[in-house]
Amino acid sequence: RITLSGGLATRIFSVQDQAEVELRDIVLTHGRSSAGPGGAVLVTAAGAPGDTTLVLTRAAVRESSTSFWGGGIAAANAEVQLLYSSVTGNEANGGGGGVNLTGGVLVLFEAEIADNRSGGSGGGVEFWTGELYMNRSVVDRNTAENAATPPFGGGMSIRDLSIASIESSRFAGNWSRSSGGGLHVWGTTELFLLQSTF
């Protein structure tokens, strides 16, 4: 495997509008963004969600941080797929300690979201407006903590006009200062749960 480190000084990847990026068998570690979201990876798109894609296969995003949202990965109007991959030990002052996705599609297949921390909602994942498909994945030991404005969803927060399917997955050991230690669902969201454990 190849390991790329940001040395806790810089973001590692920026994915631009209408790009199709796939990263395989790689470790992204110690990314840092103090001027914008996405500690290790930032995906920004202006078009339809399917126009811009980021696929991580057998990859790891770990120990990265941001002063904004998306400690490991932050994406907007994009499709993000984590296949046999992990997002662990990341931290964001805002929402989504591991992953923050605003508008788009998030696919988790045999993925691990663990030991992430946020100062906003979604210690592991914060998801706004779109489609979430999660299968055979784990969301463990994530924390959403902010004494001033208590956040929601220690493991995951799903909000606003979203459709989510969670199948054969596990949420365990997550903690939130406010509602939803494991999972917080808010707004006009349709959620399907099948053979999953909380």
Protein backbone atom coordinates (compact mmCIF):
# COMPACT_ATOMS: atom_id res chain seq x y z
CA ARG A 1 0.00 0.00 0.00
CA ILE A 2 0.95 3.60 -0.56
CA THR A 3 0.58 6.08 2.31
CA LEU A 4 0.18 9.79 1.63
CA SER A 5 0.52 12.14 4.60
CA GLY A 6 -0.44 15.79 4.82
CA GLY A 7 1.86 16.17 7.81
CA LEU A 8 -1.04 17.84 9.69
CA ALA A 9 -0.32 20.89 7.52
CA THR A 10 -2.31 20.49 4.29
CA ARG A 11 -5.31 18.79 2.68
CA ILE A 12 -4.22 15.81 0.58
CA PHE A 13 -6.76 15.79 -2.31
CA SER A 14 -9.18 18.29 -3.86
CA VAL A 15 -11.64 16.88 -6.41
CA GLN A 16 -13.17 19.46 -8.74
CA ASP A 17 -16.47 19.73 -10.61
CA GLN A 18 -17.23 16.92 -13.13
CA ALA A 19 -14.16 14.93 -12.17
CA GLU A 20 -14.26 11.14 -11.74
CA VAL A 21 -11.66 10.04 -9.21
CA GLU A 22 -10.97 6.56 -7.91
CA LEU A 23 -8.36 5.79 -5.25
CA ARG A 24 -7.42 2.17 -4.63
CA ASP A 25 -5.22 0.48 -2.03
CA ILE A 26 -4.05 3.74 -0.48
CA VAL A 27 -3.86 5.32 2.98
CA LEU A 28 -4.51 9.04 3.40
CA THR A 29 -3.38 10.25 6.80
CA HIS A 30 -2.70 13.41 8.81
CA GLY A 31 -4.44 15.78 6.43
CA ARG A 32 -5.33 19.18 7.84
CA SER A 33 -7.44 22.08 6.61
CA SER A 34 -7.80 25.25 8.64
CA ALA A 35 -9.21 27.38 5.78
CA GLY A 36 -12.10 25.18 4.61
CA PRO A 37 -13.83 21.80 4.98
CA GLY A 38 -12.32 18.40 4.24
CA GLY A 39 -9.29 17.54 6.33
CA ALA A 40 -7.97 14.88 3.95
CA VAL A 41 -10.26 15.16 0.89
CA LEU A 42 -12.56 17.90 -0.42
CA VAL A 43 -15.02 17.27 -3.28
CA THR A 44 -16.73 20.34 -4.74
CA ALA A 45 -19.24 20.15 -7.59
CA ALA A 46 -21.71 22.58 -9.12
CA GLY A 47 -23.67 20.20 -11.36
CA ALA A 48 -25.83 17.16 -10.71
CA PRO A 49 -24.56 14.71 -8.05
CA GLY A 50 -23.66 12.00 -10.58
CA ASP A 51 -21.43 14.36 -12.57
CA THR A 52 -18.68 14.34 -9.94
CA THR A 53 -17.61 11.10 -8.25
CA LEU A 54 -15.09 9.95 -5.68
CA VAL A 55 -14.62 6.20 -5.21
CA LEU A 56 -12.35 4.77 -2.51
CA THR A 57 -11.67 1.04 -2.82
CA ARG A 58 -9.69 -0.77 -0.11
CA ALA A 59 -8.54 2.64 1.12
CA ALA A 60 -8.19 4.31 4.50
CA VAL A 61 -8.72 7.93 5.51
CA ARG A 62 -7.44 8.49 9.02
CA GLU A 63 -6.22 10.93 11.66
CA SER A 64 -7.09 14.04 9.66
CA SER A 65 -8.81 17.21 10.86
CA THR A 66 -10.45 20.48 9.89
CA SER A 67 -11.64 23.63 11.61
CA PHE A 68 -14.83 23.36 9.52
CA TRP A 69 -16.80 20.19 8.57
CA GLY A 70 -15.78 16.81 7.23
CA GLY A 71 -12.70 15.84 9.23
CA GLY A 72 -11.81 13.05 6.81
CA ILE A 73 -13.92 13.79 3.71
CA ALA A 74 -16.17 16.73 2.83
CA ALA A 75 -18.25 16.66 -0.35
CA ALA A 76 -21.03 18.71 -1.96
CA ASN A 77 -23.28 17.81 -4.93
CA ALA A 78 -21.26 14.66 -5.58
CA GLU A 79 -21.36 10.89 -5.36
CA VAL A 80 -18.98 9.35 -2.82
CA GLN A 81 -18.45 5.59 -2.59
CA LEU A 82 -16.50 3.87 0.19
CA LEU A 83 -15.97 0.24 -0.81
CA TYR A 84 -14.07 -2.05 1.58
CA SER A 85 -12.63 1.17 3.04
CA SER A 86 -12.31 2.88 6.42
CA VAL A 87 -12.60 6.42 7.78
CA THR A 88 -11.13 6.42 11.29
CA GLY A 89 -9.74 8.78 13.92
CA ASN A 90 -10.66 12.02 12.14
CA GLU A 91 -11.93 15.23 13.74
CA ALA A 92 -13.98 18.27 12.67
CA ASN A 93 -14.94 21.39 14.60
CA GLY A 94 -18.19 21.37 12.61
CA GLY A 95 -20.37 18.44 11.55
CA GLY A 96 -19.19 15.12 10.17
CA GLY A 97 -16.11 14.08 12.10
CA GLY A 98 -15.44 11.37 9.53
CA VAL A 99 -17.55 12.30 6.48
CA ASN A 100 -19.75 15.28 5.61
CA LEU A 101 -21.87 15.12 2.45
CA THR A 102 -24.21 17.94 1.45
CA GLY A 103 -26.36 17.08 -1.55
CA GLY A 104 -25.53 13.89 -3.43
CA VAL A 105 -25.15 10.15 -3.00
CA LEU A 106 -23.19 8.27 -0.35
CA VAL A 107 -22.52 4.55 -0.75
CA LEU A 108 -20.96 2.54 2.10
CA PHE A 109 -20.22 -1.11 1.32
CA GLU A 110 -18.19 -3.12 3.83
CA ALA A 111 -16.98 0.23 5.15
CA GLU A 112 -15.83 1.18 8.64
CA ILE A 113 -16.57 4.60 10.14
CA ALA A 114 -14.97 4.58 13.57
CA ASP A 115 -13.37 6.68 16.31
CA ASN A 116 -14.19 10.01 14.66
CA ARG A 117 -15.21 13.15 16.55
CA SER A 118 -17.23 16.23 15.59
CA GLY A 119 -18.07 19.52 17.25
CA GLY A 120 -21.32 19.55 15.25
CA SER A 121 -23.81 16.83 14.35
CA GLY A 122 -22.72 13.47 12.98
CA GLY A 123 -19.68 12.27 14.87
CA GLY A 124 -19.06 9.67 12.18
CA VAL A 125 -21.15 10.91 9.25
CA GLU A 126 -23.25 14.03 8.67
CA PHE A 127 -25.49 13.69 5.61
CA TRP A 128 -27.63 16.49 4.16
CA THR A 129 -30.15 16.02 1.33
CA GLY A 130 -29.60 13.09 -0.99
CA GLU A 131 -29.42 9.31 -1.07
CA LEU A 132 -27.57 7.07 1.37
CA TYR A 133 -26.98 3.37 0.70
CA MET A 134 -25.23 1.45 3.50
CA ASN A 135 -24.64 -2.30 3.42
CA ARG A 136 -22.50 -4.62 5.58
CA SER A 137 -20.79 -1.65 7.23
CA VAL A 138 -20.01 -0.52 10.79
CA VAL A 139 -20.29 2.85 12.55
CA ASP A 140 -18.50 2.46 15.88
CA ARG A 141 -17.21 4.65 18.74
CA ASN A 142 -17.85 8.04 17.12
CA THR A 143 -18.61 11.15 19.18
CA ALA A 144 -20.60 14.35 18.59
CA GLU A 145 -19.78 16.76 21.35
CA ASN A 146 -20.16 20.50 21.77
CA ALA A 147 -21.05 21.99 25.16
CA ALA A 148 -22.24 25.33 23.73
CA THR A 149 -24.61 23.94 21.07
CA PRO A 150 -25.34 20.25 21.69
CA PRO A 151 -25.12 18.32 18.38
CA PHE A 152 -27.12 15.34 17.15
CA GLY A 153 -26.15 11.86 16.03
CA GLY A 154 -23.05 10.43 17.63
CA GLY A 155 -22.66 7.84 14.90
CA MET A 156 -24.58 9.40 12.02
CA SER A 157 -26.90 12.31 11.34
CA ILE A 158 -29.26 12.19 8.33
CA ARG A 159 -31.13 15.41 7.56
CA ASP A 160 -33.47 17.17 5.11
CA LEU A 161 -35.10 15.55 2.07
CA SER A 162 -33.03 12.39 2.20
CA ILE A 163 -33.61 8.73 1.39
CA ALA A 164 -31.53 6.28 3.39
CA SER A 165 -31.20 2.50 3.26
CA ILE A 166 -29.21 0.75 5.99
CA GLU A 167 -28.87 -3.01 5.63
CA SER A 168 -26.88 -5.68 7.50
CA SER A 169 -24.91 -3.01 9.37
CA ARG A 170 -23.94 -2.14 12.96
CA PHE A 171 -23.93 1.02 15.07
CA ALA A 172 -22.11 0.51 18.37
CA GLY A 173 -20.44 2.56 21.09
CA ASN A 174 -21.33 5.96 19.61
CA TRP A 175 -22.14 9.01 21.78
CA SER A 176 -23.91 12.32 21.29
CA ARG A 177 -24.40 15.19 23.73
CA SER A 178 -27.94 15.60 22.36
CA SER A 179 -30.37 13.25 20.55
CA GLY A 180 -29.42 10.08 18.73
CA GLY A 181 -26.41 8.42 20.28
CA GLY A 182 -26.15 6.06 17.34
CA LEU A 183 -28.34 7.60 14.63
CA HIS A 184 -30.24 10.87 14.33
CA VAL A 185 -32.84 11.29 11.58
CA TRP A 186 -34.38 14.73 11.05
CA GLY A 187 -36.71 16.49 8.63
CA THR A 188 -38.47 14.88 5.68
CA THR A 189 -36.29 11.79 5.54
CA GLU A 190 -37.30 8.28 4.47
CA LEU A 191 -35.29 5.62 6.29
CA PHE A 192 -35.28 1.87 5.60
CA LEU A 193 -33.60 -0.41 8.16
CA LEU A 194 -33.04 -4.09 7.52
CA GLN A 195 -31.14 -6.67 9.62
CA SER A 196 -29.07 -4.00 11.37
CA THR A 197 -27.95 -3.65 14.99
CA PHE A 198 -27.89 -0.62 17.27
